[in-house]
């Protein structure tokens, strides 16, 4: 008979992932061992292996859950924007705001997504990369809806990546509790997009 999982099994896994993400960001994924992760989690290697069979399994679960979370945010924003009767530009602005709100509390997970996908085995790497492509495609699609007179097939990719360039690297310089918060920065990004793309020229 299979052993029943403890009621807090999922909570423990989430805590391990959070601490592992921080450790990967601090010392790099290749330089981090299961012993390091156990120490960071305040537990033994044996107990850590109870939750994950390997460091690679931890990395995949971390990135799998995080990219699913980003896809869920897109779906939630699309649904909320529709229910509230938002126009396309307002809906896209809400998407930017929602991602920056997520980024504020996901520094380490985002670092892993940007730096460590290449360490996954092929099948797992493709799962994460496919989801990243879906995220980019959703942004591109909504950007084109918001600014149909400015976004074309020729420039859609460049403009979409320009938006990601503004928001994806905030973990390198934008700190919670600083003079500029994530909410305020989101409004600056929204303003930059609006004033840069709204004209007729």
N, C-alpha and C. Protein backbone atom coordinates (compact mmCIF):
# COMPACT_ATOMS: atom_id res chain seq x y z
N UNK A 1 0.84 -1.19 0.00
CA UNK A 1 0.00 0.00 0.00
C UNK A 1 0.88 1.24 0.00
N UNK A 2 0.54 2.21 -0.85
CA UNK A 2 1.32 3.45 -0.90
C UNK A 2 1.11 4.25 0.37
N UNK A 3 2.18 4.91 0.78
CA UNK A 3 2.10 5.71 2.01
C UNK A 3 1.29 6.97 1.76
N UNK A 4 0.36 7.27 2.64
CA UNK A 4 -0.46 8.47 2.53
C UNK A 4 0.39 9.71 2.80
N UNK A 5 0.20 10.73 1.98
CA UNK A 5 0.94 11.96 2.16
C UNK A 5 0.43 12.72 3.38
N UNK A 6 1.35 13.34 4.09
CA UNK A 6 0.97 14.13 5.26
C UNK A 6 0.15 15.34 4.80
N UNK A 7 -0.74 15.84 5.67
CA UNK A 7 -1.58 16.98 5.29
C UNK A 7 -0.78 18.21 4.86
N UNK A 8 0.42 18.35 5.39
CA UNK A 8 1.22 19.53 5.07
C UNK A 8 2.24 19.25 3.96
N UNK A 9 2.06 18.14 3.24
CA UNK A 9 3.04 17.76 2.22
C UNK A 9 3.22 18.86 1.18
N UNK A 10 2.10 19.38 0.69
CA UNK A 10 2.18 20.40 -0.34
C UNK A 10 2.79 21.70 0.20
N UNK A 11 2.46 22.04 1.43
CA UNK A 11 3.05 23.23 2.04
C UNK A 11 4.56 23.08 2.17
N UNK A 12 4.99 21.89 2.55
CA UNK A 12 6.43 21.63 2.69
C UNK A 12 7.13 21.74 1.34
N UNK A 13 6.50 21.23 0.29
CA UNK A 13 7.08 21.33 -1.04
C UNK A 13 7.22 22.79 -1.47
N UNK A 14 6.21 23.59 -1.20
CA UNK A 14 6.26 25.00 -1.56
C UNK A 14 7.40 25.71 -0.81
N UNK A 15 7.57 25.37 0.45
CA UNK A 15 8.65 25.98 1.23
C UNK A 15 10.01 25.58 0.68
N UNK A 16 10.15 24.30 0.30
CA UNK A 16 11.40 23.84 -0.29
C UNK A 16 11.68 24.59 -1.58
N UNK A 17 10.68 24.74 -2.42
CA UNK A 17 10.86 25.45 -3.69
C UNK A 17 11.26 26.90 -3.48
N UNK A 18 10.63 27.54 -2.51
CA UNK A 18 10.95 28.94 -2.23
C UNK A 18 12.41 29.09 -1.79
N UNK A 19 12.83 28.22 -0.89
CA UNK A 19 14.21 28.28 -0.38
C UNK A 19 15.21 27.85 -1.46
N UNK A 20 14.82 26.87 -2.28
CA UNK A 20 15.70 26.43 -3.36
C UNK A 20 15.89 27.53 -4.38
N UNK A 21 14.82 28.24 -4.72
CA UNK A 21 14.94 29.34 -5.68
C UNK A 21 15.90 30.39 -5.17
N UNK A 22 15.79 30.73 -3.89
CA UNK A 22 16.70 31.71 -3.30
C UNK A 22 18.14 31.21 -3.34
N UNK A 23 18.34 29.93 -3.06
CA UNK A 23 19.69 29.37 -3.06
C UNK A 23 20.27 29.35 -4.47
N UNK A 24 19.46 28.96 -5.46
CA UNK A 24 19.93 28.96 -6.84
C UNK A 24 20.34 30.36 -7.27
N UNK A 25 19.54 31.36 -6.87
CA UNK A 25 19.85 32.74 -7.24
C UNK A 25 21.12 33.23 -6.55
N UNK A 26 21.34 32.75 -5.34
CA UNK A 26 22.49 33.21 -4.56
C UNK A 26 23.80 32.58 -5.03
N UNK A 27 23.81 31.27 -5.27
CA UNK A 27 25.07 30.58 -5.55
C UNK A 27 25.14 29.95 -6.93
N UNK A 28 24.05 30.05 -7.71
CA UNK A 28 23.88 29.48 -9.04
C UNK A 28 23.43 28.02 -8.94
N UNK A 29 22.64 27.62 -9.89
CA UNK A 29 22.11 26.25 -9.88
C UNK A 29 23.23 25.20 -9.94
N UNK A 30 24.20 25.32 -10.87
CA UNK A 30 25.23 24.28 -10.95
C UNK A 30 26.04 24.12 -9.67
N UNK A 31 26.20 25.21 -8.92
CA UNK A 31 27.03 25.16 -7.73
C UNK A 31 26.28 24.73 -6.48
N UNK A 32 25.00 24.50 -6.61
CA UNK A 32 24.17 24.14 -5.47
C UNK A 32 23.94 22.63 -5.44
N UNK A 33 24.19 22.01 -4.30
CA UNK A 33 23.99 20.57 -4.14
C UNK A 33 22.73 20.30 -3.32
N UNK A 34 22.31 19.05 -3.29
CA UNK A 34 21.18 18.67 -2.44
C UNK A 34 21.51 18.93 -0.97
N UNK A 35 22.77 18.75 -0.60
CA UNK A 35 23.17 19.05 0.78
C UNK A 35 22.98 20.53 1.07
N UNK A 36 23.34 21.38 0.11
CA UNK A 36 23.14 22.83 0.28
C UNK A 36 21.66 23.16 0.43
N UNK A 37 20.84 22.52 -0.38
CA UNK A 37 19.40 22.77 -0.32
C UNK A 37 18.80 22.28 0.98
N UNK A 38 19.28 21.15 1.46
CA UNK A 38 18.81 20.63 2.75
C UNK A 38 19.17 21.59 3.87
N UNK A 39 20.41 22.10 3.82
CA UNK A 39 20.84 23.04 4.85
C UNK A 39 20.02 24.32 4.80
N UNK A 40 19.76 24.81 3.57
CA UNK A 40 18.97 26.04 3.42
C UNK A 40 17.54 25.84 3.90
N UNK A 41 17.05 24.60 3.79
CA UNK A 41 15.69 24.28 4.22
C UNK A 41 15.62 23.92 5.69
N UNK A 42 16.77 23.83 6.34
CA UNK A 42 16.80 23.48 7.75
C UNK A 42 16.38 22.05 7.99
N UNK A 43 16.73 21.16 7.06
CA UNK A 43 16.35 19.76 7.20
C UNK A 43 17.51 18.88 6.77
N UNK A 44 17.30 17.59 6.77
CA UNK A 44 18.34 16.65 6.36
C UNK A 44 18.17 16.29 4.88
N UNK A 45 19.25 15.76 4.29
CA UNK A 45 19.16 15.31 2.91
C UNK A 45 18.12 14.20 2.78
N UNK A 46 18.08 13.32 3.76
CA UNK A 46 17.12 12.22 3.71
C UNK A 46 15.69 12.73 3.67
N UNK A 47 15.40 13.75 4.48
CA UNK A 47 14.05 14.32 4.50
C UNK A 47 13.77 15.06 3.20
N UNK A 48 14.78 15.72 2.66
CA UNK A 48 14.60 16.43 1.39
C UNK A 48 14.27 15.44 0.28
N UNK A 49 14.94 14.29 0.28
CA UNK A 49 14.67 13.27 -0.73
C UNK A 49 13.27 12.67 -0.58
N UNK A 50 12.67 12.85 0.58
CA UNK A 50 11.28 12.40 0.77
C UNK A 50 10.34 13.21 -0.12
N UNK A 51 10.71 14.46 -0.38
CA UNK A 51 9.86 15.34 -1.19
C UNK A 51 10.30 15.40 -2.66
N UNK A 52 11.58 15.31 -2.91
CA UNK A 52 12.10 15.40 -4.28
C UNK A 52 13.23 14.41 -4.47
N UNK A 53 13.22 13.75 -5.61
CA UNK A 53 14.22 12.70 -5.86
C UNK A 53 15.58 13.25 -6.27
N UNK A 54 15.62 14.54 -6.68
CA UNK A 54 16.88 15.11 -7.14
C UNK A 54 16.81 16.63 -7.19
N UNK A 55 17.95 17.24 -7.35
CA UNK A 55 18.01 18.69 -7.54
C UNK A 55 17.30 19.07 -8.83
N UNK A 56 17.43 18.25 -9.85
CA UNK A 56 16.79 18.51 -11.13
C UNK A 56 15.27 18.50 -10.99
N UNK A 57 14.75 17.59 -10.17
CA UNK A 57 13.31 17.52 -9.93
C UNK A 57 12.81 18.78 -9.24
N UNK A 58 13.62 19.32 -8.34
CA UNK A 58 13.27 20.56 -7.66
C UNK A 58 13.21 21.71 -8.67
N UNK A 59 14.23 21.79 -9.52
CA UNK A 59 14.27 22.87 -10.51
C UNK A 59 13.07 22.79 -11.44
N UNK A 60 12.75 21.60 -11.92
CA UNK A 60 11.62 21.48 -12.84
C UNK A 60 10.31 21.87 -12.16
N UNK A 61 10.07 21.38 -10.95
CA UNK A 61 8.84 21.72 -10.26
C UNK A 61 8.75 23.21 -10.02
N UNK A 62 9.87 23.81 -9.68
CA UNK A 62 9.94 25.25 -9.46
C UNK A 62 9.51 26.02 -10.71
N UNK A 63 10.12 25.67 -11.86
CA UNK A 63 9.85 26.39 -13.10
C UNK A 63 8.48 26.03 -13.67
N UNK A 64 8.08 24.79 -13.49
CA UNK A 64 6.76 24.35 -13.95
C UNK A 64 5.66 25.12 -13.23
N UNK A 65 5.77 25.19 -11.94
CA UNK A 65 4.75 25.91 -11.16
C UNK A 65 4.76 27.41 -11.46
N UNK A 66 5.95 27.96 -11.60
CA UNK A 66 6.03 29.41 -11.82
C UNK A 66 5.45 29.80 -13.18
N UNK A 67 5.78 29.06 -14.23
CA UNK A 67 5.23 29.39 -15.54
C UNK A 67 3.73 29.14 -15.60
N UNK A 68 3.25 28.13 -14.89
CA UNK A 68 1.80 27.93 -14.79
C UNK A 68 1.15 29.12 -14.10
N UNK A 69 1.81 29.62 -13.07
CA UNK A 69 1.29 30.78 -12.35
C UNK A 69 1.20 31.99 -13.28
N UNK A 70 2.21 32.21 -14.11
CA UNK A 70 2.18 33.34 -15.03
C UNK A 70 1.06 33.19 -16.06
N UNK A 71 0.85 31.96 -16.54
CA UNK A 71 -0.26 31.72 -17.47
C UNK A 71 -1.60 31.96 -16.79
N UNK A 72 -1.71 31.58 -15.52
CA UNK A 72 -2.95 31.80 -14.77
C UNK A 72 -3.21 33.29 -14.61
N UNK A 73 -2.16 34.07 -14.37
CA UNK A 73 -2.32 35.52 -14.24
C UNK A 73 -2.90 36.10 -15.53
N UNK A 74 -2.39 35.64 -16.67
CA UNK A 74 -2.89 36.11 -17.96
C UNK A 74 -4.38 35.80 -18.09
N UNK A 75 -4.77 34.57 -17.76
CA UNK A 75 -6.17 34.18 -17.85
C UNK A 75 -7.04 34.99 -16.88
N UNK A 76 -6.53 35.22 -15.67
CA UNK A 76 -7.29 35.98 -14.68
C UNK A 76 -7.49 37.42 -15.13
N UNK A 77 -6.44 38.03 -15.70
CA UNK A 77 -6.55 39.42 -16.16
C UNK A 77 -7.51 39.51 -17.34
N UNK A 78 -7.41 38.56 -18.26
CA UNK A 78 -8.32 38.57 -19.41
C UNK A 78 -9.77 38.46 -18.94
N UNK A 79 -10.02 37.55 -18.00
CA UNK A 79 -11.38 37.36 -17.50
C UNK A 79 -11.89 38.58 -16.76
N UNK A 80 -11.06 39.14 -15.89
CA UNK A 80 -11.47 40.31 -15.12
C UNK A 80 -11.70 41.52 -16.02
N UNK A 81 -10.84 41.69 -17.01
CA UNK A 81 -10.98 42.83 -17.93
C UNK A 81 -12.29 42.72 -18.72
N UNK A 82 -12.63 41.51 -19.13
CA UNK A 82 -13.89 41.30 -19.86
C UNK A 82 -15.09 41.59 -18.97
N UNK A 83 -15.06 41.08 -17.74
CA UNK A 83 -16.19 41.28 -16.83
C UNK A 83 -16.38 42.75 -16.50
N UNK A 84 -15.29 43.49 -16.41
CA UNK A 84 -15.36 44.90 -16.02
C UNK A 84 -15.51 45.82 -17.22
N UNK A 85 -15.57 45.24 -18.41
CA UNK A 85 -15.80 46.05 -19.60
C UNK A 85 -14.63 46.94 -19.99
N UNK A 86 -13.42 46.50 -19.70
CA UNK A 86 -12.25 47.30 -20.04
C UNK A 86 -12.04 47.32 -21.55
N UNK A 87 -11.52 48.45 -22.04
CA UNK A 87 -11.07 48.52 -23.41
C UNK A 87 -9.76 47.76 -23.55
N UNK A 88 -9.32 47.56 -24.80
CA UNK A 88 -8.12 46.75 -25.03
C UNK A 88 -6.87 47.37 -24.42
N UNK A 89 -6.74 48.69 -24.47
CA UNK A 89 -5.56 49.33 -23.89
C UNK A 89 -5.55 49.19 -22.37
N UNK A 90 -6.71 49.36 -21.78
CA UNK A 90 -6.79 49.22 -20.33
C UNK A 90 -6.51 47.77 -19.92
N UNK A 91 -6.99 46.83 -20.72
CA UNK A 91 -6.74 45.41 -20.42
C UNK A 91 -5.25 45.09 -20.49
N UNK A 92 -4.56 45.64 -21.48
CA UNK A 92 -3.12 45.39 -21.59
C UNK A 92 -2.38 46.04 -20.42
N UNK A 93 -2.79 47.24 -20.04
CA UNK A 93 -2.18 47.90 -18.89
C UNK A 93 -2.36 47.06 -17.63
N UNK A 94 -3.52 46.46 -17.46
CA UNK A 94 -3.77 45.60 -16.29
C UNK A 94 -2.87 44.38 -16.31
N UNK A 95 -2.58 43.87 -17.51
CA UNK A 95 -1.69 42.72 -17.62
C UNK A 95 -0.28 43.09 -17.16
N UNK A 96 0.22 44.23 -17.59
CA UNK A 96 1.54 44.70 -17.17
C UNK A 96 1.57 44.87 -15.65
N UNK A 97 0.54 45.50 -15.10
CA UNK A 97 0.48 45.71 -13.65
C UNK A 97 0.48 44.38 -12.90
N UNK A 98 -0.30 43.42 -13.40
CA UNK A 98 -0.41 42.12 -12.72
C UNK A 98 0.93 41.38 -12.73
N UNK A 99 1.66 41.43 -13.83
CA UNK A 99 2.95 40.75 -13.88
C UNK A 99 3.95 41.41 -12.93
N UNK A 100 3.95 42.72 -12.85
CA UNK A 100 4.88 43.39 -11.95
C UNK A 100 4.52 43.13 -10.49
N UNK A 101 3.26 43.01 -10.19
CA UNK A 101 2.85 42.64 -8.83
C UNK A 101 3.41 41.25 -8.49
N UNK A 102 3.32 40.33 -9.45
CA UNK A 102 3.86 38.98 -9.24
C UNK A 102 5.37 39.02 -9.09
N UNK A 103 6.04 39.78 -9.94
CA UNK A 103 7.50 39.85 -9.89
C UNK A 103 8.02 40.36 -8.56
N UNK A 104 7.24 41.22 -7.90
CA UNK A 104 7.70 41.80 -6.63
C UNK A 104 7.99 40.72 -5.60
N UNK A 105 7.23 39.62 -5.63
CA UNK A 105 7.41 38.56 -4.65
C UNK A 105 8.02 37.29 -5.25
N UNK A 106 8.49 37.38 -6.48
CA UNK A 106 9.00 36.18 -7.16
C UNK A 106 10.40 36.39 -7.72
N UNK A 107 11.19 37.23 -7.06
CA UNK A 107 12.54 37.53 -7.55
C UNK A 107 13.32 36.27 -7.90
N UNK A 108 13.46 35.40 -6.93
CA UNK A 108 14.33 34.23 -7.09
C UNK A 108 13.77 33.27 -8.14
N UNK A 109 12.48 33.09 -8.16
CA UNK A 109 11.87 32.21 -9.15
C UNK A 109 12.09 32.76 -10.56
N UNK A 110 12.02 34.07 -10.68
CA UNK A 110 12.21 34.67 -11.99
C UNK A 110 13.67 34.55 -12.44
N UNK A 111 14.59 34.69 -11.52
CA UNK A 111 16.00 34.48 -11.85
C UNK A 111 16.22 33.07 -12.39
N UNK A 112 15.60 32.09 -11.73
CA UNK A 112 15.72 30.70 -12.17
C UNK A 112 15.13 30.52 -13.56
N UNK A 113 14.01 31.19 -13.82
CA UNK A 113 13.37 31.06 -15.14
C UNK A 113 14.26 31.65 -16.23
N UNK A 114 14.91 32.74 -15.94
CA UNK A 114 15.77 33.39 -16.93
C UNK A 114 17.11 32.67 -17.11
N UNK A 115 17.63 32.06 -16.04
CA UNK A 115 18.99 31.53 -16.09
C UNK A 115 19.13 30.01 -16.14
N UNK A 116 18.14 29.27 -15.65
CA UNK A 116 18.38 27.85 -15.37
C UNK A 116 17.58 26.86 -16.20
N UNK A 117 16.74 27.34 -17.11
CA UNK A 117 15.97 26.42 -17.95
C UNK A 117 16.90 25.47 -18.71
N UNK A 118 18.04 25.96 -19.10
CA UNK A 118 18.99 25.15 -19.90
C UNK A 118 19.50 23.93 -19.15
N UNK A 119 19.35 23.88 -17.84
CA UNK A 119 19.84 22.74 -17.07
C UNK A 119 18.82 21.61 -16.96
N UNK A 120 17.61 21.83 -17.44
CA UNK A 120 16.60 20.77 -17.40
C UNK A 120 16.89 19.74 -18.48
N UNK A 121 16.42 18.51 -18.26
CA UNK A 121 16.54 17.51 -19.31
C UNK A 121 15.56 17.88 -20.44
N UNK A 122 15.78 17.32 -21.61
CA UNK A 122 15.14 17.82 -22.83
C UNK A 122 13.62 17.94 -22.74
N UNK A 123 12.95 16.88 -22.32
CA UNK A 123 11.49 16.89 -22.30
C UNK A 123 10.95 17.95 -21.33
N UNK A 124 11.58 18.04 -20.16
CA UNK A 124 11.14 19.04 -19.19
C UNK A 124 11.44 20.46 -19.67
N UNK A 125 12.60 20.62 -20.30
CA UNK A 125 12.97 21.94 -20.82
C UNK A 125 11.95 22.41 -21.86
N UNK A 126 11.50 21.51 -22.72
CA UNK A 126 10.52 21.88 -23.74
C UNK A 126 9.19 22.28 -23.14
N UNK A 127 8.80 21.62 -22.04
CA UNK A 127 7.55 21.99 -21.37
C UNK A 127 7.62 23.44 -20.90
N UNK A 128 8.72 23.80 -20.26
CA UNK A 128 8.87 25.16 -19.73
C UNK A 128 9.02 26.16 -20.88
N UNK A 129 9.81 25.82 -21.89
CA UNK A 129 10.00 26.73 -23.02
C UNK A 129 8.69 26.95 -23.78
N UNK A 130 7.91 25.89 -23.95
CA UNK A 130 6.62 26.05 -24.63
C UNK A 130 5.72 27.00 -23.85
N UNK A 131 5.74 26.89 -22.54
CA UNK A 131 4.90 27.77 -21.74
C UNK A 131 5.42 29.20 -21.81
N UNK A 132 6.72 29.39 -21.84
CA UNK A 132 7.28 30.73 -22.01
C UNK A 132 6.83 31.32 -23.36
N UNK A 133 6.85 30.49 -24.40
CA UNK A 133 6.39 30.96 -25.71
C UNK A 133 4.93 31.37 -25.66
N UNK A 134 4.13 30.61 -24.92
CA UNK A 134 2.71 30.94 -24.78
C UNK A 134 2.52 32.27 -24.07
N UNK A 135 3.35 32.53 -23.08
CA UNK A 135 3.28 33.80 -22.35
C UNK A 135 3.61 34.96 -23.28
N UNK A 136 4.70 34.82 -24.04
CA UNK A 136 5.09 35.86 -24.98
C UNK A 136 4.00 36.06 -26.03
N UNK A 137 3.44 34.96 -26.53
CA UNK A 137 2.39 35.05 -27.54
C UNK A 137 1.16 35.78 -27.01
N UNK A 138 0.82 35.53 -25.75
CA UNK A 138 -0.33 36.20 -25.15
C UNK A 138 -0.09 37.69 -25.04
N UNK A 139 1.11 38.08 -24.62
CA UNK A 139 1.44 39.50 -24.56
C UNK A 139 1.40 40.12 -25.96
N UNK A 140 1.96 39.43 -26.94
CA UNK A 140 1.98 39.95 -28.30
C UNK A 140 0.56 40.13 -28.83
N UNK A 141 -0.27 39.17 -28.58
CA UNK A 141 -1.66 39.22 -29.04
C UNK A 141 -2.41 40.38 -28.40
N UNK A 142 -2.24 40.56 -27.10
CA UNK A 142 -2.96 41.62 -26.42
C UNK A 142 -2.38 42.99 -26.76
N UNK A 143 -1.08 43.05 -27.00
CA UNK A 143 -0.47 44.32 -27.41
C UNK A 143 -1.02 44.75 -28.77
N UNK A 144 -1.16 43.80 -29.69
CA UNK A 144 -1.71 44.11 -31.02
C UNK A 144 -3.16 44.56 -30.92
N UNK A 145 -3.92 43.96 -30.01
CA UNK A 145 -5.30 44.39 -29.83
C UNK A 145 -5.38 45.80 -29.26
N UNK A 146 -4.45 46.10 -28.36
CA UNK A 146 -4.47 47.40 -27.70
C UNK A 146 -4.05 48.53 -28.64
N UNK A 147 -3.11 48.25 -29.54
CA UNK A 147 -2.57 49.29 -30.42
C UNK A 147 -2.56 48.80 -31.87
N UNK A 148 -3.73 48.56 -32.43
CA UNK A 148 -3.80 47.96 -33.77
C UNK A 148 -3.22 48.85 -34.87
N UNK A 149 -3.19 50.15 -34.63
CA UNK A 149 -2.65 51.05 -35.65
C UNK A 149 -1.13 51.13 -35.64
N UNK A 150 -0.53 50.60 -34.57
CA UNK A 150 0.92 50.71 -34.45
C UNK A 150 1.65 49.36 -34.47
N UNK A 151 0.95 48.31 -34.09
CA UNK A 151 1.56 46.98 -34.02
C UNK A 151 1.23 46.21 -35.31
N UNK A 152 2.27 45.79 -36.02
CA UNK A 152 2.11 45.07 -37.28
C UNK A 152 2.80 43.71 -37.16
N UNK A 153 2.61 42.89 -38.16
CA UNK A 153 3.29 41.59 -38.18
C UNK A 153 4.81 41.77 -38.17
N UNK A 154 5.27 42.86 -38.78
CA UNK A 154 6.71 43.09 -38.87
C UNK A 154 7.33 43.54 -37.56
N UNK A 155 6.59 44.32 -36.76
CA UNK A 155 7.20 44.86 -35.54
C UNK A 155 6.64 44.27 -34.26
N UNK A 156 5.68 43.35 -34.37
CA UNK A 156 5.00 42.84 -33.18
C UNK A 156 5.96 42.17 -32.21
N UNK A 157 6.86 41.33 -32.74
CA UNK A 157 7.81 40.65 -31.86
C UNK A 157 8.74 41.64 -31.18
N UNK A 158 9.25 42.59 -31.93
CA UNK A 158 10.18 43.57 -31.36
C UNK A 158 9.49 44.40 -30.27
N UNK A 159 8.26 44.83 -30.52
CA UNK A 159 7.55 45.64 -29.53
C UNK A 159 7.21 44.82 -28.29
N UNK A 160 6.83 43.57 -28.50
CA UNK A 160 6.52 42.70 -27.35
C UNK A 160 7.75 42.49 -26.48
N UNK A 161 8.88 42.21 -27.11
CA UNK A 161 10.10 42.00 -26.34
C UNK A 161 10.58 43.29 -25.69
N UNK A 162 10.24 44.43 -26.29
CA UNK A 162 10.56 45.72 -25.68
C UNK A 162 9.82 45.86 -24.34
N UNK A 163 8.55 45.44 -24.34
CA UNK A 163 7.77 45.48 -23.10
C UNK A 163 8.40 44.55 -22.06
N UNK A 164 8.74 43.33 -22.46
CA UNK A 164 9.37 42.42 -21.52
C UNK A 164 10.72 42.96 -21.05
N UNK A 165 11.43 43.67 -21.93
CA UNK A 165 12.70 44.26 -21.53
C UNK A 165 12.53 45.26 -20.40
N UNK A 166 11.40 45.95 -20.40
CA UNK A 166 11.14 46.93 -19.33
C UNK A 166 10.81 46.27 -18.01
N UNK A 167 10.12 45.12 -18.05
CA UNK A 167 9.62 44.55 -16.80
C UNK A 167 10.39 43.32 -16.32
N UNK A 168 11.04 42.58 -17.21
CA UNK A 168 11.59 41.28 -16.81
C UNK A 168 12.86 41.36 -15.98
N UNK A 169 13.58 42.46 -16.03
CA UNK A 169 14.86 42.54 -15.33
C UNK A 169 14.78 43.42 -14.09
N UNK A 170 13.56 43.67 -13.62
CA UNK A 170 13.40 44.51 -12.44
C UNK A 170 14.09 43.92 -11.22
N UNK A 171 14.23 42.58 -11.18
CA UNK A 171 14.86 41.96 -10.01
C UNK A 171 16.32 42.41 -9.84
N UNK A 172 16.93 42.95 -10.90
CA UNK A 172 18.33 43.37 -10.80
C UNK A 172 18.48 44.76 -10.17
N UNK A 173 17.39 45.52 -10.11
CA UNK A 173 17.57 46.90 -9.61
C UNK A 173 16.40 47.44 -8.80
N UNK A 174 15.19 46.92 -9.02
CA UNK A 174 14.01 47.46 -8.33
C UNK A 174 13.76 46.65 -7.06
N UNK A 175 13.87 47.29 -5.91
CA UNK A 175 13.78 46.59 -4.63
C UNK A 175 12.54 47.00 -3.86
N UNK A 176 11.89 46.02 -3.26
CA UNK A 176 10.75 46.32 -2.40
C UNK A 176 11.20 47.22 -1.25
N UNK A 177 10.38 48.21 -0.95
CA UNK A 177 10.72 49.11 0.14
C UNK A 177 11.62 50.26 -0.28
N UNK A 178 12.00 50.31 -1.56
CA UNK A 178 12.85 51.39 -2.05
C UNK A 178 12.03 52.64 -2.35
N UNK A 179 12.71 53.65 -2.87
CA UNK A 179 12.02 54.90 -3.19
C UNK A 179 10.96 54.70 -4.26
N UNK A 180 11.25 53.80 -5.20
CA UNK A 180 10.31 53.49 -6.26
C UNK A 180 9.78 52.07 -6.05
N UNK A 181 8.49 51.95 -5.83
CA UNK A 181 7.90 50.63 -5.61
C UNK A 181 7.43 50.00 -6.92
N UNK A 182 7.07 48.75 -6.86
CA UNK A 182 6.62 48.04 -8.06
C UNK A 182 5.33 48.63 -8.62
N UNK A 183 4.44 49.06 -7.75
CA UNK A 183 3.18 49.65 -8.21
C UNK A 183 3.44 50.94 -8.97
N UNK A 184 4.34 51.76 -8.40
CA UNK A 184 4.67 53.03 -9.06
C UNK A 184 5.40 52.78 -10.38
N UNK A 185 6.29 51.79 -10.38
CA UNK A 185 7.02 51.49 -11.60
C UNK A 185 6.07 50.97 -12.67
N UNK A 186 5.09 50.17 -12.28
CA UNK A 186 4.11 49.67 -13.25
C UNK A 186 3.42 50.82 -13.96
N UNK A 187 3.09 51.87 -13.22
CA UNK A 187 2.44 53.02 -13.85
C UNK A 187 3.39 53.73 -14.81
N UNK A 188 4.67 53.74 -14.50
CA UNK A 188 5.64 54.34 -15.41
C UNK A 188 5.73 53.53 -16.71
N UNK A 189 5.72 52.22 -16.57
CA UNK A 189 5.77 51.35 -17.76
C UNK A 189 4.51 51.55 -18.60
N UNK A 190 3.35 51.55 -17.94
CA UNK A 190 2.09 51.75 -18.65
C UNK A 190 2.11 53.10 -19.37
N UNK A 191 2.61 54.13 -18.70
CA UNK A 191 2.68 55.45 -19.32
C UNK A 191 3.62 55.47 -20.51
N UNK A 192 4.74 54.76 -20.39
CA UNK A 192 5.69 54.70 -21.50
C UNK A 192 5.07 54.01 -22.71
N UNK A 193 4.37 52.93 -22.48
CA UNK A 193 3.71 52.21 -23.57
C UNK A 193 2.63 53.08 -24.19
N UNK A 194 1.80 53.67 -23.36
CA UNK A 194 0.69 54.45 -23.85
C UNK A 194 1.14 55.66 -24.68
N UNK A 195 2.07 56.38 -24.17
CA UNK A 195 2.52 57.59 -24.88
C UNK A 195 3.43 57.25 -26.04
N UNK A 196 4.07 56.11 -25.98
CA UNK A 196 4.96 55.74 -27.08
C UNK A 196 4.25 55.08 -28.23
N UNK A 197 3.06 54.50 -27.98
CA UNK A 197 2.37 53.74 -29.02
C UNK A 197 1.03 54.34 -29.43
N UNK A 198 0.55 55.32 -28.68
CA UNK A 198 -0.81 55.79 -28.91
C UNK A 198 -0.93 56.76 -30.06
N UNK A 199 0.19 57.35 -30.51
CA UNK A 199 0.10 58.36 -31.57
C UNK A 199 -0.19 57.77 -32.93
N UNK A 200 -0.43 58.65 -33.88
CA UNK A 200 -0.73 58.24 -35.25
C UNK A 200 0.51 58.17 -36.12
N UNK A 201 1.63 58.77 -35.65
CA UNK A 201 2.82 58.83 -36.49
C UNK A 201 3.52 57.48 -36.52
